[in-house]
Amino acid sequence: MIILFDLDGTLIDSTEAILESFHHAFDVHNFVQPSDDAIKALIGYPLDIMFEGLGIERAIVWEFVATYKENYRKISTQKTFLIENAREAVLEASEFATLGIVTTKTAEYSKILMEYFGLMGYFEVLIGREDVQNPKPHAEPILKAMEALEIEGKEVWMIGDTKLDLIAAKSAGVNSIGVLSGYDSREVIEKFTDTILGDALEAVIHLKSRKKSHN
């Protein structure tokens, strides 16, 4: 079995670092600040799409992204936390599955964070924003992760907290589990997957029992 995890809202909570870095970018460029709720509603999308969704024109959006990243790099480890049960989920999953991460976060920062939490060694592959042309909800990030792994004869599952993860999974032809530990509500998630659980650990336990029943 192969299990691919999203990061933000699924394994980690970097809301504080994300909000601070967005506000920093708007402050540096002297633009009217968006509300925290407006920013949080877009978490999961790539940074350029998020900034555009907050009213920044495409012509200058990469200036905002660069300013965001400069700040995020400084604060990410101090203001990012593992979601409850996330460590246990990774450790449990590593006992019976090959693991990967598929995120719209920058892979460089994602690896730093997961190394900081002592978990990077459990993952065979990490696909981030700079590794693909088309981020989630496109299938490309999941397909790219699968290319890096030995998938023949194995079930592939994507665990994520937003519709972007679940749409990407369906587009890539893999199974999905939506978790309620992150940013999208049950009402949104249930439109895109048949399996909804509380968090990553519940999802992993579900998959472990599934694997046992199929052996």
Protein backbone atom coordinates (compact mmCIF):
# COMPACT_ATOMS: atom_id res chain seq x y z
CA MET A 1 0.00 0.00 0.00
CA ILE A 2 1.12 3.55 -0.73
CA ILE A 3 -0.15 6.44 1.38
CA LEU A 4 0.34 10.03 0.22
CA PHE A 5 -0.22 12.77 2.79
CA ASP A 6 -1.02 16.42 2.29
CA LEU A 7 0.80 18.71 4.75
CA ASP A 8 -1.10 21.83 5.85
CA GLY A 9 -4.24 20.84 7.74
CA THR A 10 -3.41 17.14 7.47
CA LEU A 11 -0.07 16.69 9.25
CA ILE A 12 0.95 20.22 10.21
CA ASP A 13 -0.67 23.46 11.34
CA SER A 14 1.26 26.40 9.95
CA THR A 15 -1.69 28.79 10.06
CA GLU A 16 0.13 31.27 12.30
CA ALA A 17 3.19 31.37 10.04
CA ILE A 18 1.04 31.67 6.91
CA LEU A 19 -1.09 34.51 8.28
CA GLU A 20 1.91 36.43 9.59
CA SER A 21 3.72 36.10 6.26
CA PHE A 22 0.71 37.24 4.25
CA HIS A 23 0.23 40.28 6.48
CA HIS A 24 3.95 41.01 6.23
CA ALA A 25 3.78 40.99 2.43
CA PHE A 26 0.77 43.31 2.33
CA ASP A 27 2.46 45.61 4.83
CA VAL A 28 5.77 45.78 2.93
CA HIS A 29 4.00 46.57 -0.33
CA ASN A 30 1.62 49.08 1.31
CA PHE A 31 -1.59 47.30 0.33
CA VAL A 32 -4.77 47.12 2.40
CA GLN A 33 -4.62 44.09 4.68
CA PRO A 34 -6.98 41.16 4.00
CA SER A 35 -8.76 39.52 6.92
CA ASP A 36 -7.43 36.35 8.49
CA ASP A 37 -10.59 34.54 7.37
CA ALA A 38 -10.05 35.61 3.76
CA ILE A 39 -6.51 34.21 3.85
CA LYS A 40 -7.52 30.97 5.58
CA ALA A 41 -10.24 30.35 2.99
CA LEU A 42 -7.51 30.06 0.34
CA ILE A 43 -5.00 27.88 2.20
CA GLY A 44 -4.18 24.86 0.09
CA TYR A 45 -3.83 26.80 -3.14
CA PRO A 46 -0.39 27.89 -4.42
CA LEU A 47 0.81 31.25 -3.05
CA ASP A 48 0.37 33.13 -6.34
CA ILE A 49 -3.24 31.95 -6.59
CA MET A 50 -3.85 32.91 -2.96
CA PHE A 51 -2.48 36.42 -3.47
CA GLU A 52 -4.55 36.84 -6.63
CA GLY A 53 -7.59 35.68 -4.69
CA LEU A 54 -6.86 38.46 -2.21
CA GLY A 55 -6.87 41.09 -4.95
CA ILE A 56 -3.25 41.29 -6.08
CA GLU A 57 -2.82 41.72 -9.84
CA ARG A 58 -0.94 39.02 -11.74
CA ALA A 59 1.66 41.52 -12.91
CA ILE A 60 2.98 42.04 -9.38
CA VAL A 61 1.94 38.83 -7.66
CA TRP A 62 5.46 37.31 -7.65
CA GLU A 63 6.81 40.30 -5.75
CA PHE A 64 4.33 39.49 -2.99
CA VAL A 65 5.23 35.79 -3.12
CA ALA A 66 8.94 36.63 -2.75
CA THR A 67 8.26 38.88 0.25
CA TYR A 68 6.05 36.21 1.81
CA LYS A 69 8.73 33.54 1.39
CA GLU A 70 11.44 35.75 2.86
CA ASN A 71 9.41 36.12 6.05
CA TYR A 72 8.11 32.54 6.09
CA ARG A 73 11.64 31.17 5.88
CA LYS A 74 12.53 32.98 9.13
CA ILE A 75 9.53 31.93 11.20
CA SER A 76 8.25 28.64 9.79
CA THR A 77 9.81 26.23 12.29
CA GLN A 78 8.92 28.37 15.32
CA LYS A 79 5.31 28.95 14.23
CA THR A 80 4.40 25.58 12.75
CA PHE A 81 3.12 22.68 14.82
CA LEU A 82 2.30 19.05 14.24
CA ILE A 83 -1.43 18.45 14.29
CA GLU A 84 -2.56 16.25 17.17
CA ASN A 85 -1.92 12.57 16.38
CA ALA A 86 0.08 13.42 13.23
CA ARG A 87 3.33 11.91 14.49
CA GLU A 88 1.51 8.77 15.56
CA ALA A 89 -0.17 8.61 12.14
CA VAL A 90 3.16 8.70 10.30
CA LEU A 91 4.79 6.13 12.60
CA GLU A 92 1.82 3.80 12.36
CA ALA A 93 1.56 4.15 8.57
CA SER A 94 5.27 3.46 8.10
CA GLU A 95 4.74 0.00 9.62
CA PHE A 96 2.61 -1.24 6.71
CA ALA A 97 2.85 1.24 3.80
CA THR A 98 5.23 3.25 1.64
CA LEU A 99 4.75 6.94 2.44
CA GLY A 100 4.91 10.16 0.45
CA ILE A 101 3.98 13.82 0.80
CA VAL A 102 2.14 15.79 -1.87
CA THR A 103 1.79 19.48 -1.06
CA THR A 104 1.39 22.87 -2.70
CA LYS A 105 3.92 24.18 -0.19
CA THR A 106 7.45 24.76 -1.46
CA ALA A 107 9.26 21.42 -1.23
CA GLU A 108 12.37 23.07 0.21
CA TYR A 109 10.46 24.47 3.20
CA SER A 110 8.38 21.32 3.56
CA LYS A 111 11.49 19.16 3.91
CA ILE A 112 12.99 21.58 6.45
CA LEU A 113 9.82 21.42 8.53
CA MET A 114 9.52 17.65 8.40
CA GLU A 115 13.19 17.25 9.30
CA TYR A 116 12.64 19.69 12.18
CA PHE A 117 9.85 17.42 13.44
CA GLY A 118 12.01 14.33 12.92
CA LEU A 119 9.65 12.77 10.40
CA MET A 120 11.21 13.30 6.97
CA GLY A 121 13.00 9.96 7.11
CA TYR A 122 9.69 8.09 6.99
CA PHE A 123 8.81 9.45 3.54
CA GLU A 124 10.13 8.04 0.28
CA VAL A 125 9.09 11.06 -1.79
CA LEU A 126 7.99 14.67 -1.28
CA ILE A 127 6.41 16.59 -4.15
CA GLY A 128 6.13 20.35 -3.61
CA ARG A 129 5.08 23.37 -5.63
CA GLU A 130 8.34 23.74 -7.55
CA ASP A 131 8.29 20.09 -8.63
CA VAL A 132 5.27 20.46 -10.93
CA GLN A 133 3.80 22.79 -13.51
CA ASN A 134 0.24 22.12 -12.37
CA PRO A 135 -0.35 21.93 -8.59
CA LYS A 136 -3.36 20.35 -6.89
CA PRO A 137 -6.23 20.08 -7.76
CA HIS A 138 -4.47 18.89 -10.95
CA ALA A 139 -3.43 15.23 -10.95
CA GLU A 140 0.21 16.02 -11.77
CA PRO A 141 1.64 16.14 -8.20
CA ILE A 142 0.13 12.77 -7.30
CA LEU A 143 1.18 11.21 -10.61
CA LYS A 144 4.71 12.53 -10.08
CA ALA A 145 4.84 11.01 -6.59
CA MET A 146 3.66 7.70 -8.00
CA GLU A 147 6.35 7.79 -10.69
CA ALA A 148 8.97 7.95 -7.94
CA LEU A 149 7.57 4.91 -6.12
CA GLU A 150 7.09 1.25 -6.93
CA ILE A 151 3.32 1.14 -7.31
CA GLU A 152 2.68 -2.05 -9.27
CA GLY A 153 0.11 -4.18 -7.51
CA LYS A 154 -0.33 -1.66 -4.68
CA GLU A 155 -3.32 0.41 -3.63
CA VAL A 156 -2.59 4.14 -3.61
CA TRP A 157 -4.36 6.45 -1.14
CA MET A 158 -4.29 10.22 -0.76
CA ILE A 159 -5.11 11.68 2.67
CA GLY A 160 -5.97 15.39 2.72
CA ASP A 161 -8.09 18.03 4.39
CA THR A 162 -9.30 20.05 1.38
CA LYS A 163 -11.19 19.47 -1.84
CA LEU A 164 -7.94 20.17 -3.72
CA ASP A 165 -6.42 16.94 -2.35
CA LEU A 166 -9.52 14.92 -3.12
CA ILE A 167 -10.05 16.29 -6.63
CA ALA A 168 -6.38 15.64 -7.41
CA ALA A 169 -6.72 12.07 -6.15
CA LYS A 170 -9.76 11.40 -8.30
CA SER A 171 -8.06 12.93 -11.35
CA ALA A 172 -5.02 10.73 -10.75
CA GLY A 173 -7.17 7.63 -10.37
CA VAL A 174 -6.26 6.94 -6.76
CA ASN A 175 -8.32 6.46 -3.59
CA SER A 176 -8.84 9.28 -1.12
CA ILE A 177 -9.71 9.98 2.50
CA GLY A 178 -10.81 13.42 3.64
CA VAL A 179 -9.86 14.47 7.16
CA LEU A 180 -11.53 17.11 9.33
CA SER A 181 -8.35 18.37 11.02
CA GLY A 182 -7.78 21.21 8.56
CA TYR A 183 -9.39 23.86 6.45
CA ASP A 184 -12.39 22.46 4.56
CA SER A 185 -15.63 21.54 6.29
CA ARG A 186 -17.36 18.17 6.18
CA GLU A 187 -19.99 19.70 3.91
CA VAL A 188 -17.31 20.53 1.34
CA ILE A 189 -15.27 17.34 1.73
CA GLU A 190 -18.22 14.97 1.38
CA LYS A 191 -18.79 16.20 -2.18
CA PHE A 192 -15.43 14.79 -3.24
CA THR A 193 -14.82 11.56 -1.30
CA ASP A 194 -16.79 8.72 0.25
CA THR A 195 -14.48 8.37 3.27
CA ILE A 196 -14.25 11.14 5.85
CA LEU A 197 -12.45 10.72 9.17
CA GLY A 198 -11.36 12.95 12.03
CA ASP A 199 -7.64 13.13 11.43
CA ALA A 200 -4.66 11.45 9.80
CA LEU A 201 -4.33 8.82 12.54
CA GLU A 202 -7.95 7.73 12.12
CA ALA A 203 -7.33 7.54 8.38
CA VAL A 204 -4.21 5.41 8.86
CA ILE A 205 -5.97 3.03 11.28
CA HIS A 206 -8.78 2.68 8.73
CA LEU A 207 -6.26 1.78 6.01
CA LYS A 208 -4.40 -0.64 8.29
CA SER A 209 -7.60 -2.57 8.99
CA ARG A 210 -8.44 -2.49 5.28
CA LYS A 211 -5.05 -3.95 4.40
CA LYS A 212 -5.44 -6.71 7.00
CA SER A 213 -8.86 -7.66 5.63
CA HIS A 214 -7.45 -7.86 2.09
CA ASN A 215 -4.47 -10.05 3.03
